[in-house]
Amino acid sequence: MQVEIITKDDLRQFKTELLNDIKAIVKPQEKIKEWLKSAEVRKMLNISPGTLQNLRINGTLRYTKIGGMMYYKLEDITKLLEGGQP
């Protein structure tokens, strides 16, 4: 049986490599927004501000108003695109 001596430098190098490996595995994927602003929704659906307003008024697309900004759930937009009601 052969004996190997491990130094503090070896442990530091191992720690660095281990942390890099863990970061690569756990690296957060591109964060997907849960709430979108009006401009983002219009761009996604390729619609005008008036059309988006009509979707709000007739209840086709739910929204939340905070201050002067309107926010839309990505889940509701996805359902709308799939043909179902949000």
PDB file of N, CA and C in Angstrom:
ATOM      1  N   MET A   1       0.835  -1.178   0.000  1.00  0.00           N
ATOM      2  CA  MET A   1       0.000   0.000   0.000  1.00  0.00           C
ATOM      3  C   MET A   1       0.875   1.234   0.000  1.00  0.00           C
ATOM      4  N   GLN A   2       0.594   2.134  -0.909  1.00  0.00           N
ATOM      5  CA  GLN A   2       1.404   3.337  -1.038  1.00  0.00           C
ATOM      6  C   GLN A   2       0.719   4.486  -0.284  1.00  0.00           C
ATOM      7  N   VAL A   3       1.512   5.283   0.418  1.00  0.00           N
ATOM      8  CA  VAL A   3       0.991   6.398   1.208  1.00  0.00           C
ATOM      9  C   VAL A   3       1.257   7.696   0.455  1.00  0.00           C
ATOM     10  N   GLU A   4       0.177   8.531   0.359  1.00  0.00           N
ATOM     11  CA  GLU A   4       0.336   9.842  -0.264  1.00  0.00           C
ATOM     12  C   GLU A   4       0.161  10.904   0.800  1.00  0.00           C
ATOM     13  N   ILE A   5       0.977  11.916   0.716  1.00  0.00           N
ATOM     14  CA  ILE A   5       0.882  13.020   1.661  1.00  0.00           C
ATOM     15  C   ILE A   5       0.085  14.140   1.001  1.00  0.00           C
ATOM     16  N   ILE A   6      -0.929  14.599   1.716  1.00  0.00           N
ATOM     17  CA  ILE A   6      -1.770  15.682   1.204  1.00  0.00           C
ATOM     18  C   ILE A   6      -1.409  16.955   1.952  1.00  0.00           C
ATOM     19  N   THR A   7      -1.120  17.985   1.181  1.00  0.00           N
ATOM     20  CA  THR A   7      -0.735  19.261   1.791  1.00  0.00           C
ATOM     21  C   THR A   7      -1.934  20.213   1.823  1.00  0.00           C
ATOM     22  N   LYS A   8      -1.775  21.316   2.512  1.00  0.00           N
ATOM     23  CA  LYS A   8      -2.820  22.337   2.561  1.00  0.00           C
ATOM     24  C   LYS A   8      -3.098  22.897   1.168  1.00  0.00           C
ATOM     25  N   ASP A   9      -2.062  23.039   0.364  1.00  0.00           N
ATOM     26  CA  ASP A   9      -2.240  23.519  -1.005  1.00  0.00           C
ATOM     27  C   ASP A   9      -3.078  22.540  -1.825  1.00  0.00           C
ATOM     28  N   ASP A  10      -2.851  21.248  -1.619  1.00  0.00           N
ATOM     29  CA  ASP A  10      -3.661  20.242  -2.304  1.00  0.00           C
ATOM     30  C   ASP A  10      -5.134  20.377  -1.915  1.00  0.00           C
ATOM     31  N   LEU A  11      -5.386  20.605  -0.621  1.00  0.00           N
ATOM     32  CA  LEU A  11      -6.755  20.759  -0.145  1.00  0.00           C
ATOM     33  C   LEU A  11      -7.399  22.027  -0.700  1.00  0.00           C
ATOM     34  N   ARG A  12      -6.633  23.104  -0.777  1.00  0.00           N
ATOM     35  CA  ARG A  12      -7.158  24.348  -1.338  1.00  0.00           C
ATOM     36  C   ARG A  12      -7.520  24.155  -2.814  1.00  0.00           C
ATOM     37  N   GLN A  13      -6.659  23.477  -3.539  1.00  0.00           N
ATOM     38  CA  GLN A  13      -6.918  23.224  -4.954  1.00  0.00           C
ATOM     39  C   GLN A  13      -8.159  22.344  -5.115  1.00  0.00           C
ATOM     40  N   PHE A  14      -8.271  21.326  -4.279  1.00  0.00           N
ATOM     41  CA  PHE A  14      -9.443  20.450  -4.316  1.00  0.00           C
ATOM     42  C   PHE A  14     -10.713  21.244  -4.024  1.00  0.00           C
ATOM     43  N   LYS A  15     -10.639  22.118  -3.016  1.00  0.00           N
ATOM     44  CA  LYS A  15     -11.793  22.939  -2.661  1.00  0.00           C
ATOM     45  C   LYS A  15     -12.220  23.819  -3.838  1.00  0.00           C
ATOM     46  N   THR A  16     -11.253  24.450  -4.486  1.00  0.00           N
ATOM     47  CA  THR A  16     -11.542  25.314  -5.628  1.00  0.00           C
ATOM     48  C   THR A  16     -12.188  24.531  -6.762  1.00  0.00           C
ATOM     49  N   GLU A  17     -11.652  23.375  -7.071  1.00  0.00           N
ATOM     50  CA  GLU A  17     -12.202  22.537  -8.133  1.00  0.00           C
ATOM     51  C   GLU A  17     -13.610  22.051  -7.785  1.00  0.00           C
ATOM     52  N   LEU A  18     -13.802  21.674  -6.532  1.00  0.00           N
ATOM     53  CA  LEU A  18     -15.102  21.191  -6.090  1.00  0.00           C
ATOM     54  C   LEU A  18     -16.155  22.302  -6.170  1.00  0.00           C
ATOM     55  N   LEU A  19     -15.787  23.493  -5.711  1.00  0.00           N
ATOM     56  CA  LEU A  19     -16.714  24.622  -5.784  1.00  0.00           C
ATOM     57  C   LEU A  19     -17.068  24.972  -7.231  1.00  0.00           C
ATOM     58  N   ASN A  20     -16.091  24.941  -8.108  1.00  0.00           N
ATOM     59  CA  ASN A  20     -16.357  25.212  -9.523  1.00  0.00           C
ATOM     60  C   ASN A  20     -17.295  24.171 -10.127  1.00  0.00           C
ATOM     61  N   ASP A  21     -17.095  22.911  -9.760  1.00  0.00           N
ATOM     62  CA  ASP A  21     -17.975  21.850 -10.252  1.00  0.00           C
ATOM     63  C   ASP A  21     -19.398  22.032  -9.738  1.00  0.00           C
ATOM     64  N   ILE A  22     -19.532  22.363  -8.468  1.00  0.00           N
ATOM     65  CA  ILE A  22     -20.859  22.574  -7.883  1.00  0.00           C
ATOM     66  C   ILE A  22     -21.547  23.764  -8.536  1.00  0.00           C
ATOM     67  N   LYS A  23     -20.804  24.860  -8.757  1.00  0.00           N
ATOM     68  CA  LYS A  23     -21.375  26.040  -9.401  1.00  0.00           C
ATOM     69  C   LYS A  23     -21.848  25.721 -10.815  1.00  0.00           C
ATOM     70  N   ALA A  24     -21.109  24.878 -11.515  1.00  0.00           N
ATOM     71  CA  ALA A  24     -21.491  24.516 -12.878  1.00  0.00           C
ATOM     72  C   ALA A  24     -22.786  23.697 -12.887  1.00  0.00           C
ATOM     73  N   ILE A  25     -22.963  22.862 -11.876  1.00  0.00           N
ATOM     74  CA  ILE A  25     -24.162  22.026 -11.795  1.00  0.00           C
ATOM     75  C   ILE A  25     -25.364  22.847 -11.340  1.00  0.00           C
ATOM     76  N   VAL A  26     -25.159  23.684 -10.344  1.00  0.00           N
ATOM     77  CA  VAL A  26     -26.254  24.426  -9.735  1.00  0.00           C
ATOM     78  C   VAL A  26     -26.475  25.774 -10.407  1.00  0.00           C
ATOM     79  N   LYS A  27     -25.654  26.106 -11.368  1.00  0.00           N
ATOM     80  CA  LYS A  27     -25.739  27.406 -12.040  1.00  0.00           C
ATOM     81  C   LYS A  27     -27.179  27.674 -12.452  1.00  0.00           C
ATOM     82  N   PRO A  28     -27.728  28.783 -11.962  1.00  0.00           N
ATOM     83  CA  PRO A  28     -29.123  29.065 -12.287  1.00  0.00           C
ATOM     84  C   PRO A  28     -29.301  29.277 -13.783  1.00  0.00           C
ATOM     85  N   GLN A  29     -30.326  28.647 -14.296  1.00  0.00           N
ATOM     86  CA  GLN A  29     -30.637  28.815 -15.704  1.00  0.00           C
ATOM     87  C   GLN A  29     -31.191  30.220 -15.893  1.00  0.00           C
ATOM     88  N   GLU A  30     -31.343  30.616 -17.132  1.00  0.00           N
ATOM     89  CA  GLU A  30     -31.891  31.938 -17.420  1.00  0.00           C
ATOM     90  C   GLU A  30     -33.222  32.061 -16.690  1.00  0.00           C
ATOM     91  N   LYS A  31     -33.311  33.063 -15.876  1.00  0.00           N
ATOM     92  CA  LYS A  31     -34.496  33.247 -15.061  1.00  0.00           C
ATOM     93  C   LYS A  31     -35.664  33.688 -15.933  1.00  0.00           C
ATOM     94  N   ILE A  32     -36.753  32.976 -15.779  1.00  0.00           N
ATOM     95  CA  ILE A  32     -37.951  33.297 -16.535  1.00  0.00           C
ATOM     96  C   ILE A  32     -38.839  34.151 -15.654  1.00  0.00           C
ATOM     97  N   LYS A  33     -39.268  35.263 -16.211  1.00  0.00           N
ATOM     98  CA  LYS A  33     -40.124  36.163 -15.457  1.00  0.00           C
ATOM     99  C   LYS A  33     -41.500  35.550 -15.272  1.00  0.00           C
ATOM    100  N   GLU A  34     -42.069  35.760 -14.099  1.00  0.00           N
ATOM    101  CA  GLU A  34     -43.432  35.295 -13.847  1.00  0.00           C
ATOM    102  C   GLU A  34     -44.434  36.378 -14.240  1.00  0.00           C
ATOM    103  N   TRP A  35     -44.044  37.642 -14.084  1.00  0.00           N
ATOM    104  CA  TRP A  35     -44.913  38.768 -14.404  1.00  0.00           C
ATOM    105  C   TRP A  35     -44.284  39.612 -15.497  1.00  0.00           C
ATOM    106  N   LEU A  36     -45.087  40.029 -16.479  1.00  0.00           N
ATOM    107  CA  LEU A  36     -44.598  40.819 -17.596  1.00  0.00           C
ATOM    108  C   LEU A  36     -45.328  42.157 -17.650  1.00  0.00           C
ATOM    109  N   LYS A  37     -44.621  43.181 -18.104  1.00  0.00           N
ATOM    110  CA  LYS A  37     -45.215  44.497 -18.279  1.00  0.00           C
ATOM    111  C   LYS A  37     -45.948  44.536 -19.615  1.00  0.00           C
ATOM    112  N   SER A  38     -46.781  45.574 -19.778  1.00  0.00           N
ATOM    113  CA  SER A  38     -47.595  45.709 -20.993  1.00  0.00           C
ATOM    114  C   SER A  38     -46.762  45.667 -22.269  1.00  0.00           C
ATOM    115  N   ALA A  39     -45.649  46.404 -22.284  1.00  0.00           N
ATOM    116  CA  ALA A  39     -44.805  46.444 -23.482  1.00  0.00           C
ATOM    117  C   ALA A  39     -44.265  45.061 -23.834  1.00  0.00           C
ATOM    118  N   GLU A  40     -43.899  44.279 -22.813  1.00  0.00           N
ATOM    119  CA  GLU A  40     -43.382  42.934 -23.063  1.00  0.00           C
ATOM    120  C   GLU A  40     -44.474  42.021 -23.619  1.00  0.00           C
ATOM    121  N   VAL A  41     -45.688  42.187 -23.093  1.00  0.00           N
ATOM    122  CA  VAL A  41     -46.814  41.375 -23.573  1.00  0.00           C
ATOM    123  C   VAL A  41     -47.150  41.737 -25.015  1.00  0.00           C
ATOM    124  N   ARG A  42     -47.191  43.040 -25.315  1.00  0.00           N
ATOM    125  CA  ARG A  42     -47.486  43.463 -26.691  1.00  0.00           C
ATOM    126  C   ARG A  42     -46.458  42.918 -27.667  1.00  0.00           C
ATOM    127  N   LYS A  43     -45.204  42.951 -27.263  1.00  0.00           N
ATOM    128  CA  LYS A  43     -44.137  42.438 -28.135  1.00  0.00           C
ATOM    129  C   LYS A  43     -44.284  40.925 -28.325  1.00  0.00           C
ATOM    130  N   MET A  44     -44.579  40.228 -27.228  1.00  0.00           N
ATOM    131  CA  MET A  44     -44.710  38.774 -27.286  1.00  0.00           C
ATOM    132  C   MET A  44     -45.879  38.350 -28.176  1.00  0.00           C
ATOM    133  N   LEU A  45     -46.997  39.071 -28.065  1.00  0.00           N
ATOM    134  CA  LEU A  45     -48.190  38.718 -28.827  1.00  0.00           C
ATOM    135  C   LEU A  45     -48.276  39.431 -30.171  1.00  0.00           C
ATOM    136  N   ASN A  46     -47.353  40.375 -30.374  1.00  0.00           N
ATOM    137  CA  ASN A  46     -47.337  41.173 -31.600  1.00  0.00           C
ATOM    138  C   ASN A  46     -48.682  41.880 -31.810  1.00  0.00           C
ATOM    139  N   ILE A  47     -49.093  42.617 -30.769  1.00  0.00           N
ATOM    140  CA  ILE A  47     -50.364  43.332 -30.812  1.00  0.00           C
ATOM    141  C   ILE A  47     -50.151  44.796 -30.455  1.00  0.00           C
ATOM    142  N   SER A  48     -51.135  45.608 -30.759  1.00  0.00           N
ATOM    143  CA  SER A  48     -51.068  47.048 -30.473  1.00  0.00           C
ATOM    144  C   SER A  48     -51.531  47.317 -29.036  1.00  0.00           C
ATOM    145  N   PRO A  49     -51.242  48.518 -28.532  1.00  0.00           N
ATOM    146  CA  PRO A  49     -51.732  48.881 -27.197  1.00  0.00           C
ATOM    147  C   PRO A  49     -53.262  48.798 -27.101  1.00  0.00           C
ATOM    148  N   GLY A  50     -53.952  49.181 -28.164  1.00  0.00           N
ATOM    149  CA  GLY A  50     -55.420  49.113 -28.168  1.00  0.00           C
ATOM    150  C   GLY A  50     -55.933  47.690 -28.068  1.00  0.00           C
ATOM    151  N   THR A  51     -55.296  46.782 -28.773  1.00  0.00           N
ATOM    152  CA  THR A  51     -55.694  45.371 -28.714  1.00  0.00           C
ATOM    153  C   THR A  51     -55.473  44.813 -27.314  1.00  0.00           C
ATOM    154  N   LEU A  52     -54.354  45.179 -26.708  1.00  0.00           N
ATOM    155  CA  LEU A  52     -54.092  44.725 -25.348  1.00  0.00           C
ATOM    156  C   LEU A  52     -55.148  45.284 -24.394  1.00  0.00           C
ATOM    157  N   GLN A  53     -55.534  46.528 -24.593  1.00  0.00           N
ATOM    158  CA  GLN A  53     -56.570  47.129 -23.765  1.00  0.00           C
ATOM    159  C   GLN A  53     -57.893  46.377 -23.941  1.00  0.00           C
ATOM    160  N   ASN A  54     -58.223  46.026 -25.169  1.00  0.00           N
ATOM    161  CA  ASN A  54     -59.453  45.251 -25.419  1.00  0.00           C
ATOM    162  C   ASN A  54     -59.411  43.892 -24.720  1.00  0.00           C
ATOM    163  N   LEU A  55     -58.246  43.241 -24.711  1.00  0.00           N
ATOM    164  CA  LEU A  55     -58.104  41.956 -24.019  1.00  0.00           C
ATOM    165  C   LEU A  55     -58.333  42.121 -22.518  1.00  0.00           C
ATOM    166  N   ARG A  56     -57.900  43.259 -21.983  1.00  0.00           N
ATOM    167  CA  ARG A  56     -58.131  43.546 -20.559  1.00  0.00           C
ATOM    168  C   ARG A  56     -59.610  43.815 -20.295  1.00  0.00           C
ATOM    169  N   ILE A  57     -60.208  44.672 -21.129  1.00  0.00           N
ATOM    170  CA  ILE A  57     -61.593  45.097 -20.918  1.00  0.00           C
ATOM    171  C   ILE A  57     -62.570  43.928 -21.005  1.00  0.00           C
ATOM    172  N   ASN A  58     -62.386  43.075 -22.007  1.00  0.00           N
ATOM    173  CA  ASN A  58     -63.345  41.969 -22.164  1.00  0.00           C
ATOM    174  C   ASN A  58     -63.012  40.760 -21.286  1.00  0.00           C
ATOM    175  N   GLY A  59     -61.967  40.870 -20.485  1.00  0.00           N
ATOM    176  CA  GLY A  59     -61.641  39.809 -19.525  1.00  0.00           C
ATOM    177  C   GLY A  59     -60.886  38.639 -20.108  1.00  0.00           C
ATOM    178  N   THR A  60     -60.430  38.770 -21.336  1.00  0.00           N
ATOM    179  CA  THR A  60     -59.671  37.688 -21.968  1.00  0.00           C
ATOM    180  C   THR A  60     -58.318  37.505 -21.294  1.00  0.00           C
ATOM    181  N   LEU A  61     -57.729  38.617 -20.861  1.00  0.00           N
ATOM    182  CA  LEU A  61     -56.410  38.565 -20.247  1.00  0.00           C
ATOM    183  C   LEU A  61     -56.449  39.301 -18.909  1.00  0.00           C
ATOM    184  N   ARG A  62     -56.206  38.540 -17.845  1.00  0.00           N
ATOM    185  CA  ARG A  62     -56.200  39.139 -16.510  1.00  0.00           C
ATOM    186  C   ARG A  62     -54.929  39.944 -16.302  1.00  0.00           C
ATOM    187  N   TYR A  63     -55.007  40.926 -15.433  1.00  0.00           N
ATOM    188  CA  TYR A  63     -53.853  41.771 -15.148  1.00  0.00           C
ATOM    189  C   TYR A  63     -53.923  42.258 -13.712  1.00  0.00           C
ATOM    190  N   THR A  64     -52.792  42.769 -13.251  1.00  0.00           N
ATOM    191  CA  THR A  64     -52.700  43.381 -11.938  1.00  0.00           C
ATOM    192  C   THR A  64     -52.082  44.748 -12.124  1.00  0.00           C
ATOM    193  N   LYS A  65     -52.716  45.740 -11.513  1.00  0.00           N
ATOM    194  CA  LYS A  65     -52.214  47.101 -11.636  1.00  0.00           C
ATOM    195  C   LYS A  65     -51.545  47.490 -10.328  1.00  0.00           C
ATOM    196  N   ILE A  66     -50.288  47.884 -10.435  1.00  0.00           N
ATOM    197  CA  ILE A  66     -49.521  48.346  -9.282  1.00  0.00           C
ATOM    198  C   ILE A  66     -49.001  49.724  -9.629  1.00  0.00           C
ATOM    199  N   GLY A  67     -49.470  50.702  -8.870  1.00  0.00           N
ATOM    200  CA  GLY A  67     -49.127  52.075  -9.215  1.00  0.00           C
ATOM    201  C   GLY A  67     -49.740  52.368 -10.571  1.00  0.00           C
ATOM    202  N   GLY A  68     -48.956  52.845 -11.493  1.00  0.00           N
ATOM    203  CA  GLY A  68     -49.451  53.116 -12.836  1.00  0.00           C
ATOM    204  C   GLY A  68     -49.117  52.022 -13.827  1.00  0.00           C
ATOM    205  N   MET A  69     -48.474  50.958 -13.364  1.00  0.00           N
ATOM    206  CA  MET A  69     -48.030  49.884 -14.265  1.00  0.00           C
ATOM    207  C   MET A  69     -48.984  48.695 -14.204  1.00  0.00           C
ATOM    208  N   MET A  70     -49.194  48.072 -15.351  1.00  0.00           N
ATOM    209  CA  MET A  70     -50.010  46.863 -15.426  1.00  0.00           C
ATOM    210  C   MET A  70     -49.107  45.670 -15.678  1.00  0.00           C
ATOM    211  N   TYR A  71     -49.360  44.609 -14.934  1.00  0.00           N
ATOM    212  CA  TYR A  71     -48.563  43.395 -15.034  1.00  0.00           C
ATOM    213  C   TYR A  71     -49.467  42.222 -15.393  1.00  0.00           C
ATOM    214  N   TYR A  72     -48.907  41.306 -16.181  1.00  0.00           N
ATOM    215  CA  TYR A  72     -49.655  40.156 -16.669  1.00  0.00           C
ATOM    216  C   TYR A  72     -48.869  38.897 -16.322  1.00  0.00           C
ATOM    217  N   LYS A  73     -49.574  37.861 -15.878  1.00  0.00           N
ATOM    218  CA  LYS A  73     -48.918  36.601 -15.553  1.00  0.00           C
ATOM    219  C   LYS A  73     -48.528  35.882 -16.837  1.00  0.00           C
ATOM    220  N   LEU A  74     -47.308  35.406 -16.880  1.00  0.00           N
ATOM    221  CA  LEU A  74     -46.831  34.649 -18.038  1.00  0.00           C
ATOM    222  C   LEU A  74     -47.690  33.414 -18.270  1.00  0.00           C
ATOM    223  N   GLU A  75     -48.131  32.798 -17.198  1.00  0.00           N
ATOM    224  CA  GLU A  75     -48.985  31.604 -17.280  1.00  0.00           C
ATOM    225  C   GLU A  75     -50.283  31.916 -18.025  1.00  0.00           C
ATOM    226  N   ASP A  76     -50.881  33.085 -17.748  1.00  0.00           N
ATOM    227  CA  ASP A  76     -52.123  33.473 -18.426  1.00  0.00           C
ATOM    228  C   ASP A  76     -51.888  33.725 -19.917  1.00  0.00           C
ATOM    229  N   ILE A  77     -50.762  34.339 -20.228  1.00  0.00           N
ATOM    230  CA  ILE A  77     -50.439  34.612 -21.634  1.00  0.00           C
ATOM    231  C   ILE A  77     -50.218  33.303 -22.386  1.00  0.00           C
ATOM    232  N   THR A  78     -49.542  32.366 -21.748  1.00  0.00           N
ATOM    233  CA  THR A  78     -49.304  31.057 -22.357  1.00  0.00           C
ATOM    234  C   THR A  78     -50.619  30.354 -22.635  1.00  0.00           C
ATOM    235  N   LYS A  79     -51.542  30.400 -21.669  1.00  0.00           N
ATOM    236  CA  LYS A  79     -52.849  29.773 -21.872  1.00  0.00           C
ATOM    237  C   LYS A  79     -53.609  30.442 -23.008  1.00  0.00           C
ATOM    238  N   LEU A  80     -53.518  31.757 -23.091  1.00  0.00           N
ATOM    239  CA  LEU A  80     -54.175  32.487 -24.162  1.00  0.00           C
ATOM    240  C   LEU A  80     -53.637  32.052 -25.523  1.00  0.00           C
ATOM    241  N   LEU A  81     -52.317  31.902 -25.611  1.00  0.00           N
ATOM    242  CA  LEU A  81     -51.699  31.480 -26.866  1.00  0.00           C
ATOM    243  C   LEU A  81     -52.080  30.059 -27.251  1.00  0.00           C
ATOM    244  N   GLU A  82     -52.312  29.220 -26.239  1.00  0.00           N
ATOM    245  CA  GLU A  82     -52.681  27.830 -26.502  1.00  0.00           C
ATOM    246  C   GLU A  82     -54.160  27.690 -26.838  1.00  0.00           C
ATOM    247  N   GLY A  83     -54.891  28.801 -26.745  1.00  0.00           N
ATOM    248  CA  GLY A  83     -56.295  28.766 -27.131  1.00  0.00           C
ATOM    249  C   GLY A  83     -57.272  28.629 -25.980  1.00  0.00           C
ATOM    250  N   GLY A  84     -56.754  28.484 -24.752  1.00  0.00           N
ATOM    251  CA  GLY A  84     -57.633  28.376 -23.599  1.00  0.00           C
ATOM    252  C   GLY A  84     -57.805  29.712 -22.914  1.00  0.00           C
ATOM    253  N   GLN A  85     -58.736  29.794 -22.020  1.00  0.00           N
ATOM    254  CA  GLN A  85     -58.936  31.014 -21.245  1.00  0.00           C
ATOM    255  C   GLN A  85     -58.002  30.991 -20.044  1.00  0.00           C
ATOM    256  N   PRO A  86     -57.399  32.135 -19.700  1.00  0.00           N
ATOM    257  CA  PRO A  86     -56.542  32.181 -18.510  1.00  0.00           C
ATOM    258  C   PRO A  86     -57.338  32.003 -17.241  1.00  0.00           C
TER     259      PRO A  86
END
